[in-house]
């Protein structure tokens, strides 16, 4: 389907005075953003700068508090999501995580809500759908069958399917938010070829990436956000370099690192990963170790493998190949702080006591399997004090606590079995500044007592303040490592994939 491009010299996209607040966080502060017809416009900024919020407002996924949007000839107020249907036929948004239906086939996913495969009265022609899907897959050099289930595909293939689905809609504006996070180099080349071909036909792209080498390769224009504000608007990419972009992204704000090294000389290895391959598409082994007293961060792009590696270390995910061992023979006890506390960190209707105790039922149970209420109360009380949980009592429902205290309960649960290693994924997600500092202090305290601490985070400041060692994971394997006195600029550049 050919894109419907408006024949005028005006910008294809104009966003004016876009502001958005989430609770006490001002995500966007009066942002203006313009995209010309037939350009690839890179939108850059550190994590939390407002990039995803801005493009989600542009596509109608998130409404703004103030501001207006014009796409082609359609102009809407961006307040209230009732404007989304007005722009649906003009824009497609590929988000960081593929929005595919695992139990539907490749063909069905590609043409969900796509009128190209409908006959009279809106009835879907499965024959036509399979034919068009086969043609698309051939065009993208993808060796999969249209009848394959999406849930059986690898991360890179799923990401390409999401992009193909969006591009096949024939819209004049495309948003690509971290589109290459799960792609191999060969898959990136295929994507960039299609982007260039559509750009030549007048299609416009908003391109978000943490990989600056991709920006220099594919983008024409760059806008940079910092703390919800535009700090560089519509700058031609050839006028920029890596250092300039990094400085603009960081600004004058510097966070004093409170990183400390608690690891003694010849500290023992607590946990060791040998020859790990995260899935059948992994091309290189991962060898990785965690020592007593160290805080090691796993960093890298979304979908690059850092979360999967952490889950393998924690014993929550089976690798395709390799093993996790301990030089001492028996594996250490491991405490896990999951990524999403609401989904898998606590049971909201239960109190603090029961939620924490869930993490150590074997420790709290007697010989006959019964739990001593007194022992449970004392043990949970100590952990609640150690993690600084603030509640009216240990019986207060966790759903009634603040986000910071909910996260502290999750930490207390992870510590219930007196682990030797803590694996914490996004340990301060969705908590306020005060709770964040308390959790940082807790992690440092655990390391000072000889625990091995593994942190998975997308926040450069967080990693800079905590980690003695940073392991960069990309495309399912370790590509770089920072140790000791690294700077936050070193960290950002490596996370952006340009060093």
Protein backbone atom coordinates (compact mmCIF):
# COMPACT_ATOMS: atom_id res chain seq x y z
CA UNK A 1 0.00 0.00 0.00
CA UNK A 2 1.48 3.35 -1.03
CA UNK A 3 1.69 6.02 1.69
CA UNK A 4 -0.74 8.92 1.41
CA UNK A 5 1.55 11.92 1.47
CA UNK A 6 0.17 15.46 1.67
CA UNK A 7 1.41 17.60 -1.24
CA UNK A 8 2.47 20.75 0.55
CA UNK A 9 5.67 22.28 1.80
CA UNK A 10 4.51 22.54 5.39
CA UNK A 11 5.89 20.18 8.05
CA UNK A 12 4.06 16.86 8.15
CA UNK A 13 4.09 16.94 11.99
CA UNK A 14 3.81 19.94 14.30
CA UNK A 15 3.50 19.57 18.07
CA UNK A 16 3.07 22.77 20.06
CA UNK A 17 3.39 23.45 23.80
CA UNK A 18 3.08 19.79 24.83
CA UNK A 19 3.12 19.37 28.62
CA UNK A 20 2.53 16.19 30.61
CA UNK A 21 2.72 15.40 34.32
CA UNK A 22 2.62 11.98 35.98
CA UNK A 23 1.91 12.55 39.66
CA UNK A 24 4.70 14.86 40.85
CA UNK A 25 6.90 14.15 37.80
CA UNK A 26 6.86 16.71 34.98
CA UNK A 27 7.62 14.48 32.02
CA UNK A 28 7.20 17.17 29.34
CA UNK A 29 7.47 20.93 29.81
CA UNK A 30 6.01 22.87 26.89
CA UNK A 31 7.74 20.90 24.13
CA UNK A 32 7.61 21.97 20.48
CA UNK A 33 8.50 19.31 17.93
CA UNK A 34 8.44 19.47 14.12
CA UNK A 35 9.00 16.81 11.46
CA UNK A 36 9.34 17.59 7.75
CA UNK A 37 8.02 15.42 4.95
CA UNK A 38 10.45 12.69 3.87
CA UNK A 39 12.96 13.00 6.70
CA UNK A 40 14.27 10.73 9.44
CA UNK A 41 14.15 12.84 12.59
CA UNK A 42 16.07 11.37 15.55
CA UNK A 43 14.70 12.16 19.01
CA UNK A 44 17.45 11.75 21.60
CA UNK A 45 17.82 12.07 25.36
CA UNK A 46 18.75 10.09 28.43
CA UNK A 47 16.34 7.70 30.10
CA UNK A 48 13.55 9.76 31.64
CA UNK A 49 14.14 12.76 29.36
CA UNK A 50 10.60 12.50 27.95
CA UNK A 51 11.17 10.85 24.55
CA UNK A 52 8.70 7.98 24.88
CA UNK A 53 6.09 10.23 26.49
CA UNK A 54 6.35 12.72 23.62
CA UNK A 55 5.93 10.12 20.87
CA UNK A 56 3.17 8.36 22.81
CA UNK A 57 1.34 11.69 22.86
CA UNK A 58 1.96 12.12 19.14
CA UNK A 59 0.43 8.71 18.37
CA UNK A 60 -2.49 9.09 20.79
CA UNK A 61 -1.44 6.44 23.31
CA UNK A 62 -0.98 9.08 26.03
CA UNK A 63 -2.92 12.34 26.29
CA UNK A 64 -1.15 15.57 27.18
CA UNK A 65 -2.12 18.13 29.81
CA UNK A 66 -1.73 20.99 27.31
CA UNK A 67 -0.80 21.42 23.67
CA UNK A 68 -1.87 20.72 20.11
CA UNK A 69 -0.84 18.32 17.35
CA UNK A 70 -1.07 18.63 13.58
CA UNK A 71 -0.37 15.71 11.25
CA UNK A 72 -0.83 16.65 7.61
CA UNK A 73 -4.17 18.43 7.35
CA UNK A 74 -5.52 17.08 10.64
CA UNK A 75 -5.10 19.29 13.71
CA UNK A 76 -6.24 18.24 17.19
CA UNK A 77 -5.94 19.31 20.79
CA UNK A 78 -3.71 16.79 22.56
CA UNK A 79 -5.76 16.90 25.77
CA UNK A 80 -7.88 13.79 26.26
CA UNK A 81 -7.37 10.64 24.22
CA UNK A 82 -10.47 11.16 22.09
CA UNK A 83 -8.17 12.63 19.43
CA UNK A 84 -6.52 9.25 18.73
CA UNK A 85 -9.12 8.05 16.16
CA UNK A 86 -8.62 11.28 14.18
CA UNK A 87 -4.95 10.53 13.53
CA UNK A 88 -5.02 6.72 13.43
CA UNK A 89 -4.78 6.55 9.63
CA UNK A 90 -1.89 9.00 9.53
CA UNK A 91 0.64 7.54 11.95
CA UNK A 92 2.05 4.19 13.08
CA UNK A 93 3.96 3.66 16.32
CA UNK A 94 6.40 0.79 16.83
CA UNK A 95 7.04 0.61 20.56
CA UNK A 96 10.06 -0.80 22.39
CA UNK A 97 8.27 -4.06 23.22
CA UNK A 98 6.55 -5.91 20.32
CA UNK A 99 2.76 -5.82 20.63
CA UNK A 100 2.13 -9.19 19.00
CA UNK A 101 -0.46 -11.85 19.78
CA UNK A 102 1.48 -14.99 20.65
CA UNK A 103 -1.35 -17.39 19.81
CA UNK A 104 -2.03 -15.86 16.39
CA UNK A 105 -0.06 -16.70 13.27
CA UNK A 106 2.51 -14.47 11.61
CA UNK A 107 0.01 -13.60 8.87
CA UNK A 108 -2.75 -12.77 11.35
CA UNK A 109 -0.43 -10.51 13.34
CA UNK A 110 0.79 -8.70 10.23
CA UNK A 111 -2.73 -7.80 9.09
CA UNK A 112 -4.61 -7.18 12.32
CA UNK A 113 -7.01 -4.31 11.57
CA UNK A 114 -5.53 -3.91 8.09
CA UNK A 115 -8.24 -3.34 5.44
CA UNK A 116 -6.01 -4.71 2.65
CA UNK A 117 -7.11 -8.29 3.40
CA UNK A 118 -10.84 -7.64 3.75
CA UNK A 119 -13.46 -8.45 1.12
CA UNK A 120 -17.08 -7.39 1.02
CA UNK A 121 -18.81 -6.49 4.29
CA UNK A 122 -15.40 -6.32 6.00
CA UNK A 123 -14.87 -10.10 6.00
CA UNK A 124 -11.21 -11.16 6.16
CA UNK A 125 -9.99 -13.26 3.24
CA UNK A 126 -7.56 -15.76 4.76
CA UNK A 127 -6.27 -16.74 1.34
CA UNK A 128 -5.46 -13.12 0.49
CA UNK A 129 -3.96 -12.59 3.96
CA UNK A 130 -1.61 -15.57 3.54
CA UNK A 131 -0.61 -14.44 0.04
CA UNK A 132 0.17 -10.89 1.17
CA UNK A 133 2.02 -12.14 4.25
CA UNK A 134 4.16 -14.45 2.12
CA UNK A 135 4.98 -11.53 -0.18
CA UNK A 136 5.99 -9.31 2.74
CA UNK A 137 8.15 -12.00 4.32
CA UNK A 138 9.88 -12.58 1.00
CA UNK A 139 10.44 -8.84 0.53
CA UNK A 140 12.09 -8.68 3.97
CA UNK A 141 14.14 -11.86 3.37
CA UNK A 142 12.57 -13.57 6.38
CA UNK A 143 12.72 -17.35 6.36
CA UNK A 144 9.54 -18.06 8.33
CA UNK A 145 6.12 -19.37 7.38
CA UNK A 146 2.99 -17.18 7.41
CA UNK A 147 1.21 -19.91 9.41
CA UNK A 148 3.87 -19.99 12.19
CA UNK A 149 2.72 -18.85 15.63
CA UNK A 150 4.21 -15.52 16.71
CA UNK A 151 4.89 -16.86 20.20
CA UNK A 152 7.36 -19.41 18.80
CA UNK A 153 9.61 -16.79 17.18
CA UNK A 154 12.81 -15.25 18.48
CA UNK A 155 13.03 -11.70 19.82
CA UNK A 156 14.62 -10.24 16.67
CA UNK A 157 12.07 -11.83 14.35
CA UNK A 158 9.20 -10.62 16.54
CA UNK A 159 10.59 -7.09 16.46
CA UNK A 160 10.87 -7.15 12.67
CA UNK A 161 7.29 -8.42 12.39
CA UNK A 162 6.11 -5.50 14.51
CA UNK A 163 7.95 -3.08 12.22
CA UNK A 164 6.65 -4.79 9.07
CA UNK A 165 3.10 -4.62 10.41
CA UNK A 166 3.41 -0.88 10.97
CA UNK A 167 5.11 -0.13 7.65
CA UNK A 168 2.53 -2.12 5.69
CA UNK A 169 -0.24 0.24 6.81
CA UNK A 170 0.92 2.86 4.31
CA UNK A 171 0.84 5.82 6.70
CA UNK A 172 2.81 9.04 6.05
CA UNK A 173 4.41 9.16 9.54
CA UNK A 174 6.20 6.36 11.38
CA UNK A 175 7.50 6.33 14.97
CA UNK A 176 10.29 3.82 15.60
CA UNK A 177 11.06 3.64 19.34
CA UNK A 178 14.26 1.61 19.90
CA UNK A 179 13.48 -0.51 16.81
CA UNK A 180 16.83 -2.32 16.71
CA UNK A 181 17.01 -3.32 20.39
CA UNK A 182 16.51 -7.01 19.60
CA UNK A 183 17.81 -7.07 16.01
CA UNK A 184 20.98 -8.63 14.66
CA UNK A 185 23.27 -6.59 12.40
CA UNK A 186 21.82 -8.29 9.33
CA UNK A 187 18.27 -7.48 10.46
CA UNK A 188 19.27 -3.85 11.06
CA UNK A 189 20.55 -3.59 7.50
CA UNK A 190 17.22 -4.86 6.18
CA UNK A 191 15.32 -2.36 8.34
CA UNK A 192 17.48 0.58 7.25
CA UNK A 193 17.05 -0.35 3.58
CA UNK A 194 13.26 -0.18 3.96
CA UNK A 195 13.43 3.07 5.92
CA UNK A 196 15.51 4.68 3.15
CA UNK A 197 13.17 3.37 0.44
CA UNK A 198 10.08 4.75 2.19
CA UNK A 199 11.83 8.02 2.96
CA UNK A 200 12.48 8.42 -0.78
CA UNK A 201 8.70 8.12 -1.29
CA UNK A 202 8.07 10.93 1.20
CA UNK A 203 7.38 8.95 4.38
CA UNK A 204 8.62 10.66 7.56
CA UNK A 205 10.17 8.87 10.54
CA UNK A 206 10.62 9.79 14.19
CA UNK A 207 13.53 7.63 15.29
CA UNK A 208 14.44 6.97 18.93
CA UNK A 209 17.60 5.04 19.72
CA UNK A 210 20.24 4.72 22.43
CA UNK A 211 22.75 3.80 19.72
CA UNK A 212 24.27 6.98 18.35
CA UNK A 213 26.05 5.14 15.56
CA UNK A 214 22.60 4.30 14.15
CA UNK A 215 21.55 7.94 14.43
CA UNK A 216 24.56 9.10 12.40
CA UNK A 217 23.84 6.40 9.82
CA UNK A 218 20.11 6.84 9.27
CA UNK A 219 18.96 10.25 10.59
CA UNK A 220 18.80 13.62 8.82
CA UNK A 221 17.83 15.80 11.77
CA UNK A 222 18.21 15.58 15.55
CA UNK A 223 16.20 16.99 18.45
CA UNK A 224 17.49 16.43 21.99
CA UNK A 225 15.39 16.41 25.16
CA UNK A 226 16.63 16.82 28.71
CA UNK A 227 14.38 16.75 31.78
CA UNK A 228 11.26 17.17 29.63
CA UNK A 229 12.58 20.20 27.69
CA UNK A 230 14.05 20.66 24.22
CA UNK A 231 17.74 21.59 24.49
CA UNK A 232 18.59 21.23 20.79
CA UNK A 233 15.92 21.50 18.10
CA UNK A 234 16.10 20.28 14.50
CA UNK A 235 19.88 20.21 14.27
CA UNK A 236 21.25 18.65 11.04
CA UNK A 237 23.01 15.45 12.03
CA UNK A 238 26.20 16.39 10.16
CA UNK A 239 26.71 19.33 12.53
CA UNK A 240 26.83 17.07 15.58
CA UNK A 241 29.32 14.62 17.03
CA UNK A 242 29.19 12.08 19.84
CA UNK A 243 30.77 14.35 22.45
CA UNK A 244 28.39 17.23 21.70
CA UNK A 245 25.35 14.97 21.90
CA UNK A 246 26.53 13.43 25.18
CA UNK A 247 27.12 16.89 26.69
CA UNK A 248 23.67 18.09 25.60
CA UNK A 249 22.02 14.98 27.00
CA UNK A 250 23.83 15.33 30.34
CA UNK A 251 23.64 19.12 30.71
CA UNK A 252 25.26 20.91 33.62
CA UNK A 253 23.67 18.62 36.15
CA UNK A 254 26.19 16.30 37.77
CA UNK A 255 25.27 13.71 40.35
CA UNK A 256 28.00 13.11 42.90
CA UNK A 257 28.71 9.43 42.79
CA UNK A 258 28.59 7.67 46.12
CA UNK A 259 29.96 4.50 44.60
CA UNK A 260 31.97 2.50 47.11
CA UNK A 261 34.14 -0.58 46.77
CA UNK A 262 33.43 -3.21 49.42
CA UNK A 263 35.16 -6.06 47.63
CA UNK A 264 38.22 -7.36 49.45
CA UNK A 265 41.35 -8.52 47.66
CA UNK A 266 40.91 -12.08 46.43
CA UNK A 267 37.19 -11.92 47.22
CA UNK A 268 35.64 -15.36 46.67
CA UNK A 269 33.47 -16.07 43.65
CA UNK A 270 29.91 -16.73 44.80
CA UNK A 271 28.25 -17.37 41.45
CA UNK A 272 29.66 -18.19 38.04
CA UNK A 273 27.97 -18.42 34.64
CA UNK A 274 29.85 -20.55 32.11
CA UNK A 275 29.10 -20.79 28.39
CA UNK A 276 25.64 -19.26 28.77
CA UNK A 277 23.54 -18.81 25.64
CA UNK A 278 20.28 -17.08 26.42
CA UNK A 279 18.28 -18.55 23.52
CA UNK A 280 18.77 -20.54 20.36
CA UNK A 281 19.50 -17.35 18.43
CA UNK A 282 22.49 -16.40 20.63
CA UNK A 283 25.74 -16.42 18.68
CA UNK A 284 28.28 -16.07 21.52
CA UNK A 285 28.77 -17.57 24.98
CA UNK A 286 28.49 -15.48 28.13
CA UNK A 287 31.02 -16.08 30.90
CA UNK A 288 30.25 -14.08 34.01
CA UNK A 289 30.99 -14.16 37.73
CA UNK A 290 29.77 -12.46 40.89
CA UNK A 291 32.14 -11.99 43.83
CA UNK A 292 31.46 -11.35 47.49
CA UNK A 293 31.18 -7.65 48.32
CA UNK A 294 30.80 -6.34 44.78
CA UNK A 295 27.92 -4.50 43.15
CA UNK A 296 27.87 -5.36 39.46
CA UNK A 297 25.40 -3.75 37.06
CA UNK A 298 24.04 -5.32 33.89
CA UNK A 299 23.37 -2.53 31.39
CA UNK A 300 22.48 -2.23 27.74
CA UNK A 301 19.54 -1.61 25.41
CA UNK A 302 16.01 -2.83 26.03
CA UNK A 303 15.73 -6.40 24.76
CA UNK A 304 19.51 -6.77 24.53
CA UNK A 305 19.62 -9.61 27.04
CA UNK A 306 20.50 -8.04 30.39
CA UNK A 307 17.17 -8.96 31.99
CA UNK A 308 17.33 -12.52 30.65
CA UNK A 309 20.89 -12.95 31.95
CA UNK A 310 19.82 -11.75 35.39
CA UNK A 311 16.92 -14.21 35.46
CA UNK A 312 19.28 -17.03 34.49
CA UNK A 313 21.63 -16.06 37.34
CA UNK A 314 18.68 -16.01 39.74
CA UNK A 315 17.58 -19.48 38.63
CA UNK A 316 14.30 -18.18 37.23
CA UNK A 317 15.03 -18.88 33.57
CA UNK A 318 16.70 -21.82 31.88
CA UNK A 319 19.43 -20.89 29.38
CA UNK A 320 19.58 -22.46 25.96
CA UNK A 321 23.08 -23.68 26.81
CA UNK A 322 25.65 -23.37 29.57
CA UNK A 323 25.37 -23.52 33.35
CA UNK A 324 25.43 -21.45 36.52
CA UNK A 325 27.69 -22.91 39.19
CA UNK A 326 29.58 -22.02 42.35
CA UNK A 327 33.26 -22.90 42.89
CA UNK A 328 32.23 -24.04 46.37
CA UNK A 329 30.00 -26.72 44.89
CA UNK A 330 26.59 -25.86 46.32
CA UNK A 331 24.92 -22.84 44.75
CA UNK A 332 24.43 -19.88 47.10
CA UNK A 333 21.01 -18.78 48.25
CA UNK A 334 19.79 -16.07 45.88
CA UNK A 335 17.25 -13.34 46.58
CA UNK A 336 15.34 -11.86 43.63
CA UNK A 337 13.80 -8.40 43.28
CA UNK A 338 11.67 -8.69 40.09
CA UNK A 339 11.27 -5.97 37.48
CA UNK A 340 7.58 -5.32 38.10
CA UNK A 341 6.64 -5.41 41.77
CA UNK A 342 2.93 -5.10 40.96
CA UNK A 343 2.94 -8.19 38.73
CA UNK A 344 5.24 -10.51 40.68
CA UNK A 345 6.65 -8.73 43.73
CA UNK A 346 3.83 -8.79 46.27
CA UNK A 347 0.21 -9.78 46.91
CA UNK A 348 -1.67 -6.52 47.41
CA UNK A 349 -4.46 -7.78 49.67
CA UNK A 350 -1.99 -9.43 52.08
CA UNK A 351 -0.20 -7.56 54.83
CA UNK A 352 3.50 -6.77 55.15
CA UNK A 353 4.10 -9.78 57.40
CA UNK A 354 2.60 -12.33 55.03
CA UNK A 355 4.23 -10.83 51.94
CA UNK A 356 7.70 -10.90 53.47
CA UNK A 357 7.22 -14.37 54.95
CA UNK A 358 6.31 -15.79 51.53
CA UNK A 359 9.96 -15.38 50.61
CA UNK A 360 11.18 -17.72 53.35
CA UNK A 361 8.53 -20.27 54.28
CA UNK A 362 11.15 -23.02 54.55
CA UNK A 363 13.21 -20.91 56.96
CA UNK A 364 10.21 -20.05 59.12
CA UNK A 365 8.67 -23.53 59.18
CA UNK A 366 9.32 -26.05 61.94
CA UNK A 367 10.02 -29.78 61.53
CA UNK A 368 6.37 -30.57 60.88
CA UNK A 369 5.95 -27.73 58.40
CA UNK A 370 4.07 -25.39 60.73
CA UNK A 371 5.09 -21.74 61.00
CA UNK A 372 5.71 -20.27 64.43
CA UNK A 373 3.82 -16.98 64.51
CA UNK A 374 6.23 -15.56 67.05
CA UNK A 375 9.29 -16.52 65.01
CA UNK A 376 7.66 -15.14 61.87
CA UNK A 377 6.79 -11.82 63.52
CA UNK A 378 10.31 -11.36 64.91
CA UNK A 379 12.00 -12.29 61.63
CA UNK A 380 9.74 -10.09 59.49
CA UNK A 381 10.06 -7.25 62.00
CA UNK A 382 13.87 -7.32 61.69
CA UNK A 383 13.69 -7.33 57.90
CA UNK A 384 11.13 -4.50 57.85
CA UNK A 385 13.47 -2.48 60.06
CA UNK A 386 16.50 -3.33 57.90
CA UNK A 387 14.70 -2.22 54.73
CA UNK A 388 13.06 0.77 56.44
CA UNK A 389 9.47 -0.23 55.63
CA UNK A 390 7.03 2.37 56.94
CA UNK A 391 3.57 0.94 57.67
CA UNK A 392 0.93 1.36 60.37
CA UNK A 393 1.64 -2.25 61.37
CA UNK A 394 2.97 -5.45 59.85
CA UNK A 395 -0.64 -6.38 59.11
CA UNK A 396 -1.32 -3.38 56.87
CA UNK A 397 -2.17 -4.43 53.30
CA UNK A 398 0.75 -3.76 50.97
CA UNK A 399 -1.64 -2.27 48.39
CA UNK A 400 -2.21 0.58 50.87
CA UNK A 401 1.48 1.51 51.06
CA UNK A 402 3.33 4.06 48.96
CA UNK A 403 5.28 2.85 45.94
CA UNK A 404 8.56 3.23 47.80
CA UNK A 405 7.38 1.17 50.76
CA UNK A 406 5.94 -1.48 48.46
CA UNK A 407 9.38 -1.82 46.88
CA UNK A 408 10.99 -2.08 50.32
CA UNK A 409 8.61 -4.95 51.13
CA UNK A 410 9.78 -6.68 47.94
CA UNK A 411 13.40 -6.24 49.09
CA UNK A 412 12.52 -7.60 52.53
CA UNK A 413 10.95 -10.66 50.91
CA UNK A 414 14.11 -11.18 48.83
CA UNK A 415 16.19 -11.10 52.04
CA UNK A 416 13.94 -13.47 53.98
CA UNK A 417 16.13 -16.55 53.41
CA UNK A 418 19.39 -14.74 54.26
CA UNK A 419 20.73 -14.89 50.69
CA UNK A 420 24.39 -14.61 49.73
CA UNK A 421 23.53 -13.04 46.36
CA UNK A 422 20.86 -10.45 45.54
CA UNK A 423 19.65 -10.00 41.95
CA UNK A 424 17.67 -6.75 41.65
CA UNK A 425 15.98 -5.81 38.37
CA UNK A 426 15.04 -2.12 38.10
CA UNK A 427 15.42 -1.81 41.90
CA UNK A 428 14.08 1.75 42.19
CA UNK A 429 11.48 1.85 39.41
CA UNK A 430 8.50 3.99 40.34
CA UNK A 431 9.74 5.22 43.72
CA UNK A 432 10.37 8.74 44.97
CA UNK A 433 13.78 10.30 45.48
CA UNK A 434 13.86 9.63 49.22
CA UNK A 435 12.98 5.95 48.87
CA UNK A 436 15.49 5.64 46.04
CA UNK A 437 18.32 6.88 48.27
CA UNK A 438 17.26 4.48 51.02
CA UNK A 439 17.33 1.55 48.61
CA UNK A 440 20.77 2.60 47.36
CA UNK A 441 21.99 2.63 50.97
CA UNK A 442 20.48 -0.81 51.51
CA UNK A 443 22.28 -2.27 48.48
CA UNK A 444 25.59 -0.76 49.61
CA UNK A 445 25.04 -2.12 53.11
CA UNK A 446 24.41 -5.61 51.75
CA UNK A 447 27.62 -5.46 49.70
CA UNK A 448 29.57 -4.25 52.75
CA UNK A 449 28.41 -7.39 54.58
CA UNK A 450 29.86 -9.61 51.86
CA UNK A 451 26.82 -10.26 49.68
CA UNK A 452 27.19 -10.30 45.92
CA UNK A 453 24.79 -7.74 44.39
CA UNK A 454 23.65 -7.82 40.75
CA UNK A 455 21.66 -4.80 39.58
CA UNK A 456 19.85 -4.49 36.25
CA UNK A 457 19.06 -0.88 35.39
CA UNK A 458 18.40 1.49 32.48
CA UNK A 459 19.29 4.55 34.58
CA UNK A 460 22.84 5.80 34.08
CA UNK A 461 22.84 7.83 37.31
CA UNK A 462 21.75 4.79 39.28
CA UNK A 463 24.47 2.59 37.83
CA UNK A 464 27.06 5.33 38.32
CA UNK A 465 26.20 5.66 42.01
CA UNK A 466 26.10 1.95 42.76
CA UNK A 467 28.19 -0.30 40.57
CA UNK A 468 31.89 -1.10 40.92
CA UNK A 469 31.65 -3.05 37.69
CA UNK A 470 29.33 -2.55 34.71
CA UNK A 471 28.75 -5.30 32.16
CA UNK A 472 27.22 -4.14 28.86
CA UNK A 473 24.93 -6.78 27.33
CA UNK A 474 23.86 -6.42 23.72
CA UNK A 475 22.31 -8.91 21.29
CA UNK A 476 22.48 -11.63 23.91
CA UNK A 477 26.17 -11.41 24.76
CA UNK A 478 28.64 -9.27 26.71
CA UNK A 479 30.19 -6.59 24.51
CA UNK A 480 32.00 -4.37 27.02
CA UNK A 481 32.85 -3.91 30.68
CA UNK A 482 33.65 -0.93 32.91
CA UNK A 483 35.55 -1.41 36.15
CA UNK A 484 36.62 0.96 38.91
CA UNK A 485 36.89 4.70 38.27
CA UNK A 486 34.72 5.03 35.17
CA UNK A 487 32.84 8.27 34.52
CA UNK A 488 29.16 8.66 33.75
CA UNK A 489 30.10 9.85 30.26
CA UNK A 490 32.03 6.59 29.74
CA UNK A 491 28.91 4.74 30.84
CA UNK A 492 26.52 6.68 28.59
CA UNK A 493 28.71 6.26 25.51
CA UNK A 494 28.99 2.52 26.02
CA UNK A 495 25.28 2.16 26.67
CA UNK A 496 24.70 4.13 23.46
CA UNK A 497 26.89 1.61 21.63
CA UNK A 498 29.43 4.04 20.17
CA UNK A 499 32.59 3.11 22.12
